[in-house]
């Protein structure tokens, strides 16, 4: 007799901040508290320990540089 393959159940959830949908193979107790990894890093930029190449792929370094330049420009115009 052939073995029967175990079916994987896939649960779809939505990020509470960005509205992105993603899939998990385990059921979550509190789906309203789930958030995507990118959303978590946006809320906690001081804890962003991802390597630079990953940040570059996501385009985060460019955004950070632009913010830093804007801060410098604002500081220069105030003086």
N, C-alpha and C. Protein backbone atom coordinates (compact mmCIF):
# COMPACT_ATOMS: atom_id res chain seq x y z
N UNK A 1 0.82 -1.18 0.00
CA UNK A 1 0.00 0.00 0.00
C UNK A 1 0.87 1.26 0.00
N UNK A 2 0.47 2.25 -0.75
CA UNK A 2 1.23 3.49 -0.84
C UNK A 2 0.93 4.36 0.38
N UNK A 3 1.96 5.08 0.82
CA UNK A 3 1.77 6.00 1.93
C UNK A 3 1.01 7.23 1.45
N UNK A 4 0.20 7.69 2.29
CA UNK A 4 -0.56 8.86 1.97
C UNK A 4 0.21 10.10 2.43
N UNK A 5 0.33 11.08 1.54
CA UNK A 5 1.05 12.30 1.88
C UNK A 5 0.23 13.16 2.83
N UNK A 6 0.91 13.71 3.79
CA UNK A 6 0.24 14.59 4.73
C UNK A 6 0.00 15.94 4.06
N UNK A 7 -1.21 16.42 4.18
CA UNK A 7 -1.54 17.70 3.58
C UNK A 7 -1.05 18.84 4.46
N UNK A 8 -0.49 19.86 3.83
CA UNK A 8 -0.08 21.05 4.57
C UNK A 8 -1.22 22.05 4.51
N UNK A 9 -1.60 22.52 5.65
CA UNK A 9 -2.61 23.56 5.68
C UNK A 9 -1.91 24.91 5.60
N UNK A 10 -2.44 25.78 4.80
CA UNK A 10 -1.87 27.10 4.64
C UNK A 10 -2.90 28.12 5.11
N UNK A 11 -2.46 28.99 6.01
CA UNK A 11 -3.32 30.03 6.56
C UNK A 11 -2.85 31.37 6.00
N UNK A 12 -3.78 32.16 5.52
CA UNK A 12 -3.45 33.48 4.98
C UNK A 12 -3.78 34.54 6.03
N UNK A 13 -2.81 35.41 6.24
CA UNK A 13 -2.98 36.50 7.20
C UNK A 13 -2.63 37.81 6.54
N UNK A 14 -3.08 38.88 7.15
CA UNK A 14 -2.84 40.22 6.63
C UNK A 14 -2.12 41.03 7.69
N UNK A 15 -1.11 41.78 7.25
CA UNK A 15 -0.35 42.63 8.16
C UNK A 15 -1.28 43.74 8.66
N UNK A 16 -1.26 43.98 9.97
CA UNK A 16 -2.17 44.97 10.54
C UNK A 16 -1.77 46.40 10.20
N UNK A 17 -0.51 46.62 9.81
CA UNK A 17 -0.06 47.98 9.49
C UNK A 17 -0.08 48.29 8.00
N UNK A 18 0.49 47.41 7.21
CA UNK A 18 0.64 47.69 5.78
C UNK A 18 -0.46 47.08 4.93
N UNK A 19 -1.14 46.09 5.43
CA UNK A 19 -2.18 45.43 4.66
C UNK A 19 -1.65 44.36 3.72
N UNK A 20 -0.35 44.07 3.79
CA UNK A 20 0.23 43.01 2.97
C UNK A 20 -0.30 41.66 3.43
N UNK A 21 -0.52 40.75 2.49
CA UNK A 21 -0.97 39.41 2.85
C UNK A 21 0.20 38.45 2.74
N UNK A 22 0.25 37.50 3.63
CA UNK A 22 1.29 36.48 3.61
C UNK A 22 0.70 35.19 4.14
N UNK A 23 1.45 34.09 3.89
CA UNK A 23 0.95 32.76 4.23
C UNK A 23 1.81 32.12 5.30
N UNK A 24 1.16 31.43 6.21
CA UNK A 24 1.85 30.66 7.24
C UNK A 24 1.32 29.24 7.22
N UNK A 25 2.14 28.30 7.70
CA UNK A 25 1.70 26.92 7.76
C UNK A 25 1.17 26.55 9.13
N UNK A 26 1.22 27.49 10.07
CA UNK A 26 0.68 27.26 11.40
C UNK A 26 -0.43 28.27 11.68
N UNK A 27 -1.40 27.84 12.43
CA UNK A 27 -2.49 28.73 12.79
C UNK A 27 -2.03 29.65 13.91
N UNK A 28 -2.40 30.90 13.80
CA UNK A 28 -1.99 31.90 14.78
C UNK A 28 -3.10 32.13 15.80
N UNK A 29 -2.69 32.31 17.06
CA UNK A 29 -3.67 32.55 18.12
C UNK A 29 -4.26 33.96 18.01
N UNK A 30 -3.41 34.95 17.70
CA UNK A 30 -3.85 36.35 17.62
C UNK A 30 -3.49 36.94 16.26
N UNK A 31 -4.27 36.68 15.25
CA UNK A 31 -3.90 37.18 13.91
C UNK A 31 -3.94 38.69 13.81
N UNK A 32 -4.69 39.38 14.65
CA UNK A 32 -4.75 40.83 14.58
C UNK A 32 -3.45 41.48 15.07
N UNK A 33 -2.62 40.73 15.78
CA UNK A 33 -1.34 41.27 16.27
C UNK A 33 -0.18 40.98 15.33
N UNK A 34 -0.42 40.24 14.25
CA UNK A 34 0.65 39.91 13.33
C UNK A 34 1.06 41.11 12.50
N UNK A 35 2.36 41.20 12.21
CA UNK A 35 2.85 42.22 11.29
C UNK A 35 4.00 41.64 10.49
N UNK A 36 4.24 42.18 9.35
CA UNK A 36 5.31 41.69 8.50
C UNK A 36 6.66 42.10 9.07
N UNK A 37 7.70 41.46 8.59
CA UNK A 37 9.05 41.75 9.07
C UNK A 37 9.43 43.18 8.72
N UNK A 38 9.11 43.61 7.52
CA UNK A 38 9.44 44.98 7.12
C UNK A 38 8.74 46.01 8.00
N UNK A 39 7.51 45.73 8.36
CA UNK A 39 6.77 46.64 9.24
C UNK A 39 7.43 46.72 10.61
N UNK A 40 7.89 45.59 11.11
CA UNK A 40 8.53 45.58 12.43
C UNK A 40 9.80 46.41 12.40
N UNK A 41 10.58 46.25 11.32
CA UNK A 41 11.82 47.03 11.21
C UNK A 41 11.52 48.52 11.02
N UNK A 42 10.40 48.86 10.39
CA UNK A 42 10.04 50.27 10.26
C UNK A 42 9.69 50.86 11.62
N UNK A 43 9.05 50.07 12.47
CA UNK A 43 8.71 50.55 13.81
C UNK A 43 9.91 50.58 14.74
N UNK A 44 10.89 49.73 14.49
CA UNK A 44 12.07 49.62 15.35
C UNK A 44 13.36 49.77 14.52
N UNK A 45 13.62 50.96 13.99
CA UNK A 45 14.82 51.12 13.15
C UNK A 45 16.12 50.97 13.93
N UNK A 46 16.09 51.22 15.22
CA UNK A 46 17.31 51.07 16.03
C UNK A 46 17.70 49.60 16.21
N UNK A 47 16.78 48.68 16.00
CA UNK A 47 17.06 47.25 16.14
C UNK A 47 17.28 46.57 14.79
N UNK A 48 17.44 47.36 13.73
CA UNK A 48 17.62 46.82 12.39
C UNK A 48 19.04 46.30 12.25
N UNK A 49 19.21 44.98 12.36
CA UNK A 49 20.52 44.36 12.32
C UNK A 49 20.74 43.55 11.04
N UNK A 50 19.96 43.85 10.02
CA UNK A 50 20.10 43.12 8.76
C UNK A 50 21.39 43.54 8.07
N UNK A 51 22.00 42.63 7.31
CA UNK A 51 23.22 42.97 6.56
C UNK A 51 22.95 44.06 5.52
N UNK A 52 24.00 44.78 5.14
CA UNK A 52 23.86 45.89 4.20
C UNK A 52 23.34 45.46 2.84
N UNK A 53 23.74 44.27 2.39
CA UNK A 53 23.28 43.84 1.06
C UNK A 53 21.78 43.62 1.03
N UNK A 54 21.21 43.17 2.11
CA UNK A 54 19.76 42.98 2.17
C UNK A 54 19.06 44.33 2.21
N UNK A 55 19.62 45.26 2.97
CA UNK A 55 19.04 46.60 3.01
C UNK A 55 19.10 47.25 1.63
N UNK A 56 20.20 47.01 0.93
CA UNK A 56 20.35 47.59 -0.40
C UNK A 56 19.31 47.01 -1.36
N UNK A 57 19.06 45.70 -1.25
CA UNK A 57 18.05 45.07 -2.10
C UNK A 57 16.67 45.66 -1.85
N UNK A 58 16.41 46.00 -0.61
CA UNK A 58 15.10 46.55 -0.26
C UNK A 58 15.02 48.05 -0.50
N UNK A 59 16.16 48.68 -0.78
CA UNK A 59 16.17 50.12 -1.03
C UNK A 59 16.10 50.95 0.23
N UNK A 60 16.42 50.37 1.36
CA UNK A 60 16.32 51.09 2.61
C UNK A 60 17.46 52.09 2.81
N UNK A 61 18.64 51.76 2.32
CA UNK A 61 19.77 52.66 2.53
C UNK A 61 19.54 53.98 1.80
N UNK A 62 18.95 53.92 0.64
CA UNK A 62 18.68 55.14 -0.10
C UNK A 62 17.73 56.04 0.67
N UNK A 63 16.71 55.44 1.25
CA UNK A 63 15.74 56.21 2.02
C UNK A 63 16.39 56.81 3.26
N UNK A 64 17.26 56.06 3.92
CA UNK A 64 17.94 56.56 5.11
C UNK A 64 18.87 57.72 4.75
N UNK A 65 19.58 57.60 3.63
CA UNK A 65 20.48 58.67 3.19
C UNK A 65 19.70 59.94 2.86
N UNK A 66 18.55 59.77 2.22
CA UNK A 66 17.72 60.93 1.88
C UNK A 66 17.23 61.62 3.15
N UNK A 67 16.83 60.86 4.15
CA UNK A 67 16.38 61.44 5.41
C UNK A 67 17.50 62.19 6.09
N UNK A 68 18.71 61.63 6.08
CA UNK A 68 19.86 62.28 6.70
C UNK A 68 20.19 63.58 5.97
N UNK A 69 20.10 63.58 4.64
CA UNK A 69 20.36 64.79 3.88
C UNK A 69 19.32 65.86 4.18
N UNK A 70 18.07 65.46 4.30
CA UNK A 70 17.02 66.42 4.62
C UNK A 70 17.25 67.04 5.99
N UNK A 71 17.67 66.25 6.96
CA UNK A 71 17.95 66.76 8.29
C UNK A 71 19.10 67.77 8.25
N UNK A 72 20.14 67.47 7.47
CA UNK A 72 21.27 68.38 7.35
C UNK A 72 20.83 69.69 6.70
N UNK A 73 20.02 69.59 5.65
CA UNK A 73 19.54 70.77 4.97
C UNK A 73 18.68 71.63 5.90
N UNK A 74 17.83 70.98 6.68
CA UNK A 74 16.97 71.73 7.61
C UNK A 74 17.82 72.40 8.69
N UNK A 75 18.86 71.72 9.15
CA UNK A 75 19.74 72.30 10.17
C UNK A 75 20.50 73.49 9.59
N UNK A 76 20.93 73.41 8.34
CA UNK A 76 21.67 74.50 7.70
C UNK A 76 20.77 75.70 7.45
N UNK A 77 19.52 75.50 7.09
CA UNK A 77 18.61 76.61 6.82
C UNK A 77 18.18 77.30 8.10
N UNK A 78 18.15 76.59 9.21
CA UNK A 78 17.75 77.20 10.49
C UNK A 78 18.83 78.13 11.02
N UNK A 79 20.09 77.85 10.72
CA UNK A 79 21.19 78.68 11.24
C UNK A 79 21.40 79.87 10.40
